[in-house]
Amino acid sequence: MIFITGPLLAGKQRYIRETLGLSPDEFARRAVWDVQDLAAREPDLPALAEALSQREIVIATEMGGGVVPTDPEERAAREAAGRLSCLLAERADSVVRVCCGLPQVLKGTLPC
C-alpha cells in the first residue's frame, strides 16, 4: 500500500495520479482518500487501518498543524486522524508526504 499524506490542497492526489499515470477513473478504483474523516466515526482504529491498508493507495490530509480546537469533539477527531495516520504508515510499503506539490519519501521508495 502507498500512503500519501500532507496538508490540505497540497497536491497529494495530483502527485500520485501523475506519478502512476492514472486516469480519474483508475484513480477512483485504486485509491481511497480523505480517510482522516473516517477516523472520527470509527471507534476501532486498528481495524479501520487494517481494512484501508488492503487498498493500493490511501490518502490522508494532515490535521495536526495549526490551532488546537477548543471543542472537545473536534480535538478528539483530530487526535483520531493522527492515530489513524500512524497506523497506516506502519502498514504501508511506501509513505510519501506531499507539500506544495513536492513529494518527500518518509518510508520505502517513491512509487513509479
PDB file of N, CA and C in Angstrom:
ATOM      1  N   MET A   1       0.849  -1.177   0.000  1.00  0.00           N
ATOM      2  CA  MET A   1       0.000   0.000   0.000  1.00  0.00           C
ATOM      3  C   MET A   1       0.892   1.237   0.000  1.00  0.00           C
ATOM      4  N   ILE A   2       0.475   2.226  -0.752  1.00  0.00           N
ATOM      5  CA  ILE A   2       1.141   3.526  -0.791  1.00  0.00           C
ATOM      6  C   ILE A   2       0.296   4.474   0.054  1.00  0.00           C
ATOM      7  N   PHE A   3       0.891   5.064   1.068  1.00  0.00           N
ATOM      8  CA  PHE A   3       0.195   6.018   1.916  1.00  0.00           C
ATOM      9  C   PHE A   3       0.730   7.407   1.602  1.00  0.00           C
ATOM     10  N   ILE A   4      -0.177   8.287   1.196  1.00  0.00           N
ATOM     11  CA  ILE A   4       0.169   9.665   0.846  1.00  0.00           C
ATOM     12  C   ILE A   4      -0.467  10.574   1.890  1.00  0.00           C
ATOM     13  N   THR A   5       0.320  11.468   2.444  1.00  0.00           N
ATOM     14  CA  THR A   5      -0.199  12.412   3.419  1.00  0.00           C
ATOM     15  C   THR A   5       0.366  13.798   3.127  1.00  0.00           C
ATOM     16  N   GLY A   6      -0.213  14.784   3.733  1.00  0.00           N
ATOM     17  CA  GLY A   6       0.235  16.159   3.554  1.00  0.00           C
ATOM     18  C   GLY A   6      -0.889  17.131   3.842  1.00  0.00           C
ATOM     19  N   PRO A   7      -0.582  18.414   3.808  1.00  0.00           N
ATOM     20  CA  PRO A   7      -1.585  19.434   4.102  1.00  0.00           C
ATOM     21  C   PRO A   7      -2.728  19.441   3.088  1.00  0.00           C
ATOM     22  N   LEU A   8      -3.803  20.085   3.478  1.00  0.00           N
ATOM     23  CA  LEU A   8      -4.967  20.259   2.606  1.00  0.00           C
ATOM     24  C   LEU A   8      -4.555  20.995   1.335  1.00  0.00           C
ATOM     25  N   LEU A   9      -4.996  20.512   0.198  1.00  0.00           N
ATOM     26  CA  LEU A   9      -4.773  21.128  -1.118  1.00  0.00           C
ATOM     27  C   LEU A   9      -3.287  21.283  -1.458  1.00  0.00           C
ATOM     28  N   ALA A  10      -2.481  20.306  -1.050  1.00  0.00           N
ATOM     29  CA  ALA A  10      -1.037  20.368  -1.290  1.00  0.00           C
ATOM     30  C   ALA A  10      -0.603  19.608  -2.540  1.00  0.00           C
ATOM     31  N   GLY A  11      -1.553  18.966  -3.241  1.00  0.00           N
ATOM     32  CA  GLY A  11      -1.216  18.249  -4.466  1.00  0.00           C
ATOM     33  C   GLY A  11      -1.052  16.751  -4.306  1.00  0.00           C
ATOM     34  N   LYS A  12      -1.619  16.183  -3.258  1.00  0.00           N
ATOM     35  CA  LYS A  12      -1.470  14.752  -2.988  1.00  0.00           C
ATOM     36  C   LYS A  12      -2.067  13.902  -4.108  1.00  0.00           C
ATOM     37  N   GLN A  13      -3.319  14.163  -4.454  1.00  0.00           N
ATOM     38  CA  GLN A  13      -3.978  13.373  -5.492  1.00  0.00           C
ATOM     39  C   GLN A  13      -3.313  13.589  -6.846  1.00  0.00           C
ATOM     40  N   ARG A  14      -3.009  14.809  -7.164  1.00  0.00           N
ATOM     41  CA  ARG A  14      -2.359  15.098  -8.450  1.00  0.00           C
ATOM     42  C   ARG A  14      -1.014  14.386  -8.551  1.00  0.00           C
ATOM     43  N   TYR A  15      -0.237  14.434  -7.474  1.00  0.00           N
ATOM     44  CA  TYR A  15       1.070  13.791  -7.469  1.00  0.00           C
ATOM     45  C   TYR A  15       0.949  12.298  -7.783  1.00  0.00           C
ATOM     46  N   ILE A  16       0.094  11.595  -7.067  1.00  0.00           N
ATOM     47  CA  ILE A  16       0.029  10.140  -7.249  1.00  0.00           C
ATOM     48  C   ILE A  16      -0.590   9.783  -8.596  1.00  0.00           C
ATOM     49  N   ARG A  17      -1.561  10.567  -9.051  1.00  0.00           N
ATOM     50  CA  ARG A  17      -2.149  10.297 -10.379  1.00  0.00           C
ATOM     51  C   ARG A  17      -1.104  10.460 -11.470  1.00  0.00           C
ATOM     52  N   GLU A  18      -0.322  11.535 -11.405  1.00  0.00           N
ATOM     53  CA  GLU A  18       0.700  11.768 -12.435  1.00  0.00           C
ATOM     54  C   GLU A  18       1.843  10.760 -12.321  1.00  0.00           C
ATOM     55  N   THR A  19       2.250  10.445 -11.102  1.00  0.00           N
ATOM     56  CA  THR A  19       3.353   9.510 -10.901  1.00  0.00           C
ATOM     57  C   THR A  19       3.019   8.121 -11.441  1.00  0.00           C
ATOM     58  N   LEU A  20       1.809   7.670 -11.180  1.00  0.00           N
ATOM     59  CA  LEU A  20       1.400   6.337 -11.618  1.00  0.00           C
ATOM     60  C   LEU A  20       0.686   6.344 -12.967  1.00  0.00           C
ATOM     61  N   GLY A  21       0.479   7.524 -13.549  1.00  0.00           N
ATOM     62  CA  GLY A  21      -0.191   7.625 -14.842  1.00  0.00           C
ATOM     63  C   GLY A  21      -1.637   7.161 -14.808  1.00  0.00           C
ATOM     64  N   LEU A  22      -2.358   7.545 -13.763  1.00  0.00           N
ATOM     65  CA  LEU A  22      -3.735   7.092 -13.583  1.00  0.00           C
ATOM     66  C   LEU A  22      -4.741   8.083 -14.142  1.00  0.00           C
ATOM     67  N   SER A  23      -5.716   7.567 -14.855  1.00  0.00           N
ATOM     68  CA  SER A  23      -6.851   8.394 -15.281  1.00  0.00           C
ATOM     69  C   SER A  23      -7.720   8.644 -14.049  1.00  0.00           C
ATOM     70  N   PRO A  24      -8.635   9.606 -14.122  1.00  0.00           N
ATOM     71  CA  PRO A  24      -9.530   9.828 -12.975  1.00  0.00           C
ATOM     72  C   PRO A  24     -10.309   8.567 -12.582  1.00  0.00           C
ATOM     73  N   ASP A  25     -10.752   7.791 -13.567  1.00  0.00           N
ATOM     74  CA  ASP A  25     -11.487   6.558 -13.263  1.00  0.00           C
ATOM     75  C   ASP A  25     -10.597   5.511 -12.599  1.00  0.00           C
ATOM     76  N   GLU A  26      -9.372   5.359 -13.101  1.00  0.00           N
ATOM     77  CA  GLU A  26      -8.436   4.409 -12.494  1.00  0.00           C
ATOM     78  C   GLU A  26      -8.121   4.811 -11.058  1.00  0.00           C
ATOM     79  N   PHE A  27      -7.906   6.100 -10.880  1.00  0.00           N
ATOM     80  CA  PHE A  27      -7.614   6.608  -9.543  1.00  0.00           C
ATOM     81  C   PHE A  27      -8.761   6.292  -8.592  1.00  0.00           C
ATOM     82  N   ALA A  28      -9.990   6.525  -9.034  1.00  0.00           N
ATOM     83  CA  ALA A  28     -11.159   6.271  -8.190  1.00  0.00           C
ATOM     84  C   ALA A  28     -11.279   4.795  -7.817  1.00  0.00           C
ATOM     85  N   ARG A  29     -10.870   3.905  -8.693  1.00  0.00           N
ATOM     86  CA  ARG A  29     -10.936   2.465  -8.416  1.00  0.00           C
ATOM     87  C   ARG A  29      -9.813   1.997  -7.488  1.00  0.00           C
ATOM     88  N   ARG A  30      -8.655   2.600  -7.614  1.00  0.00           N
ATOM     89  CA  ARG A  30      -7.465   2.095  -6.915  1.00  0.00           C
ATOM     90  C   ARG A  30      -7.149   2.823  -5.611  1.00  0.00           C
ATOM     91  N   ALA A  31      -7.780   3.958  -5.380  1.00  0.00           N
ATOM     92  CA  ALA A  31      -7.417   4.790  -4.221  1.00  0.00           C
ATOM     93  C   ALA A  31      -8.608   5.073  -3.325  1.00  0.00           C
ATOM     94  N   VAL A  32      -8.283   5.389  -2.103  1.00  0.00           N
ATOM     95  CA  VAL A  32      -9.259   5.919  -1.163  1.00  0.00           C
ATOM     96  C   VAL A  32      -8.625   7.163  -0.550  1.00  0.00           C
ATOM     97  N   TRP A  33      -9.394   8.228  -0.407  1.00  0.00           N
ATOM     98  CA  TRP A  33      -8.831   9.482   0.083  1.00  0.00           C
ATOM     99  C   TRP A  33      -9.753  10.089   1.129  1.00  0.00           C
ATOM    100  N   ASP A  34      -9.240  11.124   1.775  1.00  0.00           N
ATOM    101  CA  ASP A  34      -9.927  11.781   2.894  1.00  0.00           C
ATOM    102  C   ASP A  34     -10.228  10.793   4.012  1.00  0.00           C
ATOM    103  N   VAL A  35      -9.302   9.849   4.221  1.00  0.00           N
ATOM    104  CA  VAL A  35      -9.519   8.835   5.254  1.00  0.00           C
ATOM    105  C   VAL A  35      -9.504   9.437   6.658  1.00  0.00           C
ATOM    106  N   GLN A  36      -8.947  10.621   6.814  1.00  0.00           N
ATOM    107  CA  GLN A  36      -8.944  11.265   8.130  1.00  0.00           C
ATOM    108  C   GLN A  36     -10.371  11.496   8.616  1.00  0.00           C
ATOM    109  N   ASP A  37     -11.312  11.676   7.695  1.00  0.00           N
ATOM    110  CA  ASP A  37     -12.707  11.880   8.071  1.00  0.00           C
ATOM    111  C   ASP A  37     -13.335  10.602   8.632  1.00  0.00           C
ATOM    112  N   LEU A  38     -12.837   9.458   8.201  1.00  0.00           N
ATOM    113  CA  LEU A  38     -13.361   8.177   8.688  1.00  0.00           C
ATOM    114  C   LEU A  38     -12.967   7.928  10.140  1.00  0.00           C
ATOM    115  N   ALA A  39     -11.820   8.449  10.538  1.00  0.00           N
ATOM    116  CA  ALA A  39     -11.284   8.187  11.877  1.00  0.00           C
ATOM    117  C   ALA A  39     -12.218   8.669  12.981  1.00  0.00           C
ATOM    118  N   ALA A  40     -12.895   9.781  12.760  1.00  0.00           N
ATOM    119  CA  ALA A  40     -13.767  10.345  13.790  1.00  0.00           C
ATOM    120  C   ALA A  40     -15.011   9.484  14.017  1.00  0.00           C
ATOM    121  N   ARG A  41     -15.380   8.696  13.015  1.00  0.00           N
ATOM    122  CA  ARG A  41     -16.612   7.902  13.112  1.00  0.00           C
ATOM    123  C   ARG A  41     -16.357   6.441  13.470  1.00  0.00           C
ATOM    124  N   GLU A  42     -15.104   6.026  13.506  1.00  0.00           N
ATOM    125  CA  GLU A  42     -14.767   4.614  13.729  1.00  0.00           C
ATOM    126  C   GLU A  42     -14.050   4.444  15.060  1.00  0.00           C
ATOM    127  N   PRO A  43     -14.679   3.768  16.021  1.00  0.00           N
ATOM    128  CA  PRO A  43     -14.027   3.604  17.327  1.00  0.00           C
ATOM    129  C   PRO A  43     -12.846   2.623  17.299  1.00  0.00           C
ATOM    130  N   ASP A  44     -12.828   1.696  16.346  1.00  0.00           N
ATOM    131  CA  ASP A  44     -11.762   0.696  16.275  1.00  0.00           C
ATOM    132  C   ASP A  44     -10.762   1.099  15.186  1.00  0.00           C
ATOM    133  N   LEU A  45      -9.832   1.985  15.538  1.00  0.00           N
ATOM    134  CA  LEU A  45      -8.872   2.494  14.551  1.00  0.00           C
ATOM    135  C   LEU A  45      -7.959   1.410  13.990  1.00  0.00           C
ATOM    136  N   PRO A  46      -7.479   0.451  14.784  1.00  0.00           N
ATOM    137  CA  PRO A  46      -6.664  -0.616  14.181  1.00  0.00           C
ATOM    138  C   PRO A  46      -7.416  -1.414  13.108  1.00  0.00           C
ATOM    139  N   ALA A  47      -8.687  -1.691  13.346  1.00  0.00           N
ATOM    140  CA  ALA A  47      -9.483  -2.423  12.341  1.00  0.00           C
ATOM    141  C   ALA A  47      -9.678  -1.565  11.094  1.00  0.00           C
ATOM    142  N   LEU A  48      -9.923  -0.277  11.283  1.00  0.00           N
ATOM    143  CA  LEU A  48     -10.070   0.623  10.134  1.00  0.00           C
ATOM    144  C   LEU A  48      -8.775   0.683   9.343  1.00  0.00           C
ATOM    145  N   ALA A  49      -7.651   0.810  10.037  1.00  0.00           N
ATOM    146  CA  ALA A  49      -6.349   0.865   9.364  1.00  0.00           C
ATOM    147  C   ALA A  49      -6.088  -0.430   8.597  1.00  0.00           C
ATOM    148  N   GLU A  50      -6.429  -1.550   9.180  1.00  0.00           N
ATOM    149  CA  GLU A  50      -6.222  -2.836   8.509  1.00  0.00           C
ATOM    150  C   GLU A  50      -7.075  -2.916   7.237  1.00  0.00           C
ATOM    151  N   ALA A  51      -8.329  -2.493   7.323  1.00  0.00           N
ATOM    152  CA  ALA A  51      -9.207  -2.511   6.148  1.00  0.00           C
ATOM    153  C   ALA A  51      -8.690  -1.558   5.062  1.00  0.00           C
ATOM    154  N   LEU A  52      -8.288  -0.366   5.449  1.00  0.00           N
ATOM    155  CA  LEU A  52      -7.790   0.607   4.476  1.00  0.00           C
ATOM    156  C   LEU A  52      -6.481   0.155   3.846  1.00  0.00           C
ATOM    157  N   SER A  53      -5.670  -0.553   4.603  1.00  0.00           N
ATOM    158  CA  SER A  53      -4.363  -0.970   4.084  1.00  0.00           C
ATOM    159  C   SER A  53      -4.480  -2.029   2.986  1.00  0.00           C
ATOM    160  N   GLN A  54      -5.669  -2.550   2.781  1.00  0.00           N
ATOM    161  CA  GLN A  54      -5.887  -3.505   1.690  1.00  0.00           C
ATOM    162  C   GLN A  54      -6.023  -2.788   0.338  1.00  0.00           C
ATOM    163  N   ARG A  55      -6.212  -1.470   0.380  1.00  0.00           N
ATOM    164  CA  ARG A  55      -6.294  -0.682  -0.849  1.00  0.00           C
ATOM    165  C   ARG A  55      -4.888  -0.402  -1.349  1.00  0.00           C
ATOM    166  N   GLU A  56      -4.763  -0.130  -2.630  1.00  0.00           N
ATOM    167  CA  GLU A  56      -3.443   0.138  -3.212  1.00  0.00           C
ATOM    168  C   GLU A  56      -2.898   1.503  -2.804  1.00  0.00           C
ATOM    169  N   ILE A  57      -3.787   2.507  -2.772  1.00  0.00           N
ATOM    170  CA  ILE A  57      -3.387   3.882  -2.492  1.00  0.00           C
ATOM    171  C   ILE A  57      -4.327   4.447  -1.430  1.00  0.00           C
ATOM    172  N   VAL A  58      -3.748   4.990  -0.360  1.00  0.00           N
ATOM    173  CA  VAL A  58      -4.536   5.605   0.706  1.00  0.00           C
ATOM    174  C   VAL A  58      -3.999   7.021   0.912  1.00  0.00           C
ATOM    175  N   ILE A  59      -4.921   7.993   0.934  1.00  0.00           N
ATOM    176  CA  ILE A  59      -4.533   9.402   1.060  1.00  0.00           C
ATOM    177  C   ILE A  59      -5.237  10.019   2.269  1.00  0.00           C
ATOM    178  N   ALA A  60      -4.444  10.709   3.095  1.00  0.00           N
ATOM    179  CA  ALA A  60      -4.991  11.393   4.261  1.00  0.00           C
ATOM    180  C   ALA A  60      -4.456  12.818   4.310  1.00  0.00           C
ATOM    181  N   THR A  61      -5.325  13.724   4.675  1.00  0.00           N
ATOM    182  CA  THR A  61      -4.915  15.109   4.895  1.00  0.00           C
ATOM    183  C   THR A  61      -4.452  15.253   6.333  1.00  0.00           C
ATOM    184  N   GLU A  62      -3.279  15.865   6.509  1.00  0.00           N
ATOM    185  CA  GLU A  62      -2.771  16.124   7.863  1.00  0.00           C
ATOM    186  C   GLU A  62      -3.687  17.113   8.563  1.00  0.00           C
ATOM    187  N   MET A  63      -4.002  16.810   9.803  1.00  0.00           N
ATOM    188  CA  MET A  63      -4.901  17.679  10.560  1.00  0.00           C
ATOM    189  C   MET A  63      -4.260  18.232  11.821  1.00  0.00           C
ATOM    190  N   GLY A  64      -3.022  17.872  12.097  1.00  0.00           N
ATOM    191  CA  GLY A  64      -2.401  18.212  13.366  1.00  0.00           C
ATOM    192  C   GLY A  64      -1.763  19.577  13.442  1.00  0.00           C
ATOM    193  N   GLY A  65      -1.634  20.278  12.333  1.00  0.00           N
ATOM    194  CA  GLY A  65      -0.994  21.589  12.375  1.00  0.00           C
ATOM    195  C   GLY A  65      -1.985  22.682  12.711  1.00  0.00           C
ATOM    196  N   GLY A  66      -1.489  23.758  13.221  1.00  0.00           N
ATOM    197  CA  GLY A  66      -2.357  24.903  13.465  1.00  0.00           C
ATOM    198  C   GLY A  66      -2.894  24.954  14.881  1.00  0.00           C
ATOM    199  N   VAL A  67      -3.933  25.725  15.041  1.00  0.00           N
ATOM    200  CA  VAL A  67      -4.536  25.969  16.344  1.00  0.00           C
ATOM    201  C   VAL A  67      -5.306  24.731  16.808  1.00  0.00           C
ATOM    202  N   VAL A  68      -5.131  24.372  18.061  1.00  0.00           N
ATOM    203  CA  VAL A  68      -5.860  23.240  18.629  1.00  0.00           C
ATOM    204  C   VAL A  68      -7.303  23.679  18.870  1.00  0.00           C
ATOM    205  N   PRO A  69      -8.257  22.899  18.364  1.00  0.00           N
ATOM    206  CA  PRO A  69      -9.665  23.272  18.548  1.00  0.00           C
ATOM    207  C   PRO A  69     -10.063  23.291  20.028  1.00  0.00           C
ATOM    208  N   THR A  70     -10.924  24.218  20.394  1.00  0.00           N
ATOM    209  CA  THR A  70     -11.418  24.273  21.766  1.00  0.00           C
ATOM    210  C   THR A  70     -12.538  23.267  21.996  1.00  0.00           C
ATOM    211  N   ASP A  71     -13.243  22.887  20.941  1.00  0.00           N
ATOM    212  CA  ASP A  71     -14.331  21.934  21.051  1.00  0.00           C
ATOM    213  C   ASP A  71     -13.775  20.525  21.295  1.00  0.00           C
ATOM    214  N   PRO A  72     -14.222  19.841  22.353  1.00  0.00           N
ATOM    215  CA  PRO A  72     -13.700  18.511  22.663  1.00  0.00           C
ATOM    216  C   PRO A  72     -13.895  17.491  21.537  1.00  0.00           C
ATOM    217  N   GLU A  73     -15.022  17.548  20.847  1.00  0.00           N
ATOM    218  CA  GLU A  73     -15.267  16.601  19.747  1.00  0.00           C
ATOM    219  C   GLU A  73     -14.305  16.846  18.584  1.00  0.00           C
ATOM    220  N   GLU A  74     -14.037  18.097  18.281  1.00  0.00           N
ATOM    221  CA  GLU A  74     -13.092  18.419  17.206  1.00  0.00           C
ATOM    222  C   GLU A  74     -11.673  17.983  17.579  1.00  0.00           C
ATOM    223  N   ARG A  75     -11.299  18.176  18.839  1.00  0.00           N
ATOM    224  CA  ARG A  75      -9.977  17.719  19.296  1.00  0.00           C
ATOM    225  C   ARG A  75      -9.867  16.201  19.209  1.00  0.00           C
ATOM    226  N   ALA A  76     -10.934  15.507  19.602  1.00  0.00           N
ATOM    227  CA  ALA A  76     -10.929  14.038  19.547  1.00  0.00           C
ATOM    228  C   ALA A  76     -10.834  13.548  18.106  1.00  0.00           C
ATOM    229  N   ALA A  77     -11.547  14.217  17.191  1.00  0.00           N
ATOM    230  CA  ALA A  77     -11.496  13.835  15.778  1.00  0.00           C
ATOM    231  C   ALA A  77     -10.093  14.047  15.212  1.00  0.00           C
ATOM    232  N   ARG A  78      -9.481  15.132  15.590  1.00  0.00           N
ATOM    233  CA  ARG A  78      -8.121  15.427  15.118  1.00  0.00           C
ATOM    234  C   ARG A  78      -7.123  14.416  15.670  1.00  0.00           C
ATOM    235  N   GLU A  79      -7.280  14.048  16.929  1.00  0.00           N
ATOM    236  CA  GLU A  79      -6.400  13.047  17.523  1.00  0.00           C
ATOM    237  C   GLU A  79      -6.596  11.690  16.846  1.00  0.00           C
ATOM    238  N   ALA A  80      -7.838  11.322  16.589  1.00  0.00           N
ATOM    239  CA  ALA A  80      -8.120  10.044  15.921  1.00  0.00           C
ATOM    240  C   ALA A  80      -7.513  10.021  14.521  1.00  0.00           C
ATOM    241  N   ALA A  81      -7.586  11.129  13.815  1.00  0.00           N
ATOM    242  CA  ALA A  81      -6.999  11.205  12.470  1.00  0.00           C
ATOM    243  C   ALA A  81      -5.492  11.002  12.532  1.00  0.00           C
ATOM    244  N   GLY A  82      -4.849  11.598  13.513  1.00  0.00           N
ATOM    245  CA  GLY A  82      -3.408  11.430  13.670  1.00  0.00           C
ATOM    246  C   GLY A  82      -3.036  10.002  14.015  1.00  0.00           C
ATOM    247  N   ARG A  83      -3.805   9.385  14.899  1.00  0.00           N
ATOM    248  CA  ARG A  83      -3.537   7.990  15.263  1.00  0.00           C
ATOM    249  C   ARG A  83      -3.751   7.059  14.071  1.00  0.00           C
ATOM    250  N   LEU A  84      -4.798   7.322  13.278  1.00  0.00           N
ATOM    251  CA  LEU A  84      -5.034   6.514  12.081  1.00  0.00           C
ATOM    252  C   LEU A  84      -3.866   6.648  11.110  1.00  0.00           C
ATOM    253  N   SER A  85      -3.362   7.843  10.924  1.00  0.00           N
ATOM    254  CA  SER A  85      -2.221   8.041  10.027  1.00  0.00           C
ATOM    255  C   SER A  85      -1.008   7.246  10.501  1.00  0.00           C
ATOM    256  N   CYS A  86      -0.775   7.216  11.800  1.00  0.00           N
ATOM    257  CA  CYS A  86       0.343   6.429  12.334  1.00  0.00           C
ATOM    258  C   CYS A  86       0.152   4.947  12.046  1.00  0.00           C
ATOM    259  N   LEU A  87      -1.048   4.451  12.232  1.00  0.00           N
ATOM    260  CA  LEU A  87      -1.342   3.039  11.976  1.00  0.00           C
ATOM    261  C   LEU A  87      -1.193   2.707  10.491  1.00  0.00           C
ATOM    262  N   LEU A  88      -1.631   3.616   9.629  1.00  0.00           N
ATOM    263  CA  LEU A  88      -1.492   3.392   8.187  1.00  0.00           C
ATOM    264  C   LEU A  88      -0.027   3.411   7.768  1.00  0.00           C
ATOM    265  N   ALA A  89       0.743   4.335   8.331  1.00  0.00           N
ATOM    266  CA  ALA A  89       2.167   4.414   7.998  1.00  0.00           C
ATOM    267  C   ALA A  89       2.892   3.134   8.406  1.00  0.00           C
ATOM    268  N   GLU A  90       2.519   2.551   9.531  1.00  0.00           N
ATOM    269  CA  GLU A  90       3.113   1.272   9.961  1.00  0.00           C
ATOM    270  C   GLU A  90       2.886   0.180   8.924  1.00  0.00           C
ATOM    271  N   ARG A  91       1.682   0.151   8.354  1.00  0.00           N
ATOM    272  CA  ARG A  91       1.290  -0.919   7.443  1.00  0.00           C
ATOM    273  C   ARG A  91       1.747  -0.674   6.000  1.00  0.00           C
ATOM    274  N   ALA A  92       2.086   0.544   5.665  1.00  0.00           N
ATOM    275  CA  ALA A  92       2.389   0.917   4.281  1.00  0.00           C
ATOM    276  C   ALA A  92       3.753   0.421   3.827  1.00  0.00           C
ATOM    277  N   ASP A  93       3.841   0.100   2.541  1.00  0.00           N
ATOM    278  CA  ASP A  93       5.126  -0.207   1.922  1.00  0.00           C
ATOM    279  C   ASP A  93       5.885   1.084   1.636  1.00  0.00           C
ATOM    280  N   SER A  94       5.115   2.113   1.298  1.00  0.00           N
ATOM    281  CA  SER A  94       5.691   3.407   0.947  1.00  0.00           C
ATOM    282  C   SER A  94       4.848   4.504   1.583  1.00  0.00           C
ATOM    283  N   VAL A  95       5.509   5.470   2.226  1.00  0.00           N
ATOM    284  CA  VAL A  95       4.826   6.636   2.793  1.00  0.00           C
ATOM    285  C   VAL A  95       5.455   7.870   2.169  1.00  0.00           C
ATOM    286  N   VAL A  96       4.604   8.709   1.571  1.00  0.00           N
ATOM    287  CA  VAL A  96       5.081   9.919   0.914  1.00  0.00           C
ATOM    288  C   VAL A  96       4.288  11.106   1.446  1.00  0.00           C
ATOM    289  N   ARG A  97       4.996  12.126   1.878  1.00  0.00           N
ATOM    290  CA  ARG A  97       4.356  13.386   2.278  1.00  0.00           C
ATOM    291  C   ARG A  97       4.499  14.346   1.112  1.00  0.00           C
ATOM    292  N   VAL A  98       3.378  14.929   0.707  1.00  0.00           N
ATOM    293  CA  VAL A  98       3.390  15.888  -0.391  1.00  0.00           C
ATOM    294  C   VAL A  98       3.036  17.259   0.166  1.00  0.00           C
ATOM    295  N   CYS A  99       3.912  18.213  -0.071  1.00  0.00           N
ATOM    296  CA  CYS A  99       3.693  19.592   0.354  1.00  0.00           C
ATOM    297  C   CYS A  99       4.091  20.495  -0.810  1.00  0.00           C
ATOM    298  N   CYS A 100       3.236  21.422  -1.166  1.00  0.00           N
ATOM    299  CA  CYS A 100       3.483  22.320  -2.307  1.00  0.00           C
ATOM    300  C   CYS A 100       3.709  21.520  -3.595  1.00  0.00           C
ATOM    301  N   GLY A 101       3.069  20.353  -3.688  1.00  0.00           N
ATOM    302  CA  GLY A 101       3.202  19.519  -4.874  1.00  0.00           C
ATOM    303  C   GLY A 101       4.482  18.717  -4.946  1.00  0.00           C
ATOM    304  N   LEU A 102       5.336  18.844  -3.941  1.00  0.00           N
ATOM    305  CA  LEU A 102       6.624  18.157  -3.941  1.00  0.00           C
ATOM    306  C   LEU A 102       6.593  16.947  -3.012  1.00  0.00           C
ATOM    307  N   PRO A 103       7.008  15.777  -3.503  1.00  0.00           N
ATOM    308  CA  PRO A 103       6.992  14.577  -2.683  1.00  0.00           C
ATOM    309  C   PRO A 103       8.232  14.473  -1.798  1.00  0.00           C
ATOM    310  N   GLN A 104       8.013  13.962  -0.599  1.00  0.00           N
ATOM    311  CA  GLN A 104       9.100  13.673   0.328  1.00  0.00           C
ATOM    312  C   GLN A 104       8.856  12.251   0.837  1.00  0.00           C
ATOM    313  N   VAL A 105       9.770  11.346   0.525  1.00  0.00           N
ATOM    314  CA  VAL A 105       9.622   9.953   0.938  1.00  0.00           C
ATOM    315  C   VAL A 105       9.952   9.835   2.418  1.00  0.00           C
ATOM    316  N   LEU A 106       9.014   9.293   3.182  1.00  0.00           N
ATOM    317  CA  LEU A 106       9.231   9.070   4.606  1.00  0.00           C
ATOM    318  C   LEU A 106       9.536   7.600   4.885  1.00  0.00           C
ATOM    319  N   LYS A 107       9.105   6.723   3.991  1.00  0.00           N
ATOM    320  CA  LYS A 107       9.299   5.290   4.171  1.00  0.00           C
ATOM    321  C   LYS A 107       9.274   4.627   2.801  1.00  0.00           C
ATOM    322  N   GLY A 108      10.153   3.679   2.583  1.00  0.00           N
ATOM    323  CA  GLY A 108      10.182   2.966   1.304  1.00  0.00           C
ATOM    324  C   GLY A 108      10.775   3.818   0.207  1.00  0.00           C
ATOM    325  N   THR A 109      10.236   3.662  -0.990  1.00  0.00           N
ATOM    326  CA  THR A 109      10.728   4.409  -2.152  1.00  0.00           C
ATOM    327  C   THR A 109       9.573   5.131  -2.831  1.00  0.00           C
ATOM    328  N   LEU A 110       9.919   6.098  -3.662  1.00  0.00           N
ATOM    329  CA  LEU A 110       8.890   6.791  -4.446  1.00  0.00           C
ATOM    330  C   LEU A 110       8.210   5.797  -5.367  1.00  0.00           C
ATOM    331  N   PRO A 111       6.907   5.800  -5.417  1.00  0.00           N
ATOM    332  CA  PRO A 111       6.218   4.925  -6.355  1.00  0.00           C
ATOM    333  C   PRO A 111       6.482   5.387  -7.782  1.00  0.00           C
ATOM    334  N   CYS A 112       6.614   4.419  -8.687  1.00  0.00           N
ATOM    335  CA  CYS A 112       6.809   4.802 -10.086  1.00  0.00           C
ATOM    336  C   CYS A 112       6.116   3.824 -11.009  1.00  0.00           C
TER     337      CYS A 112
END
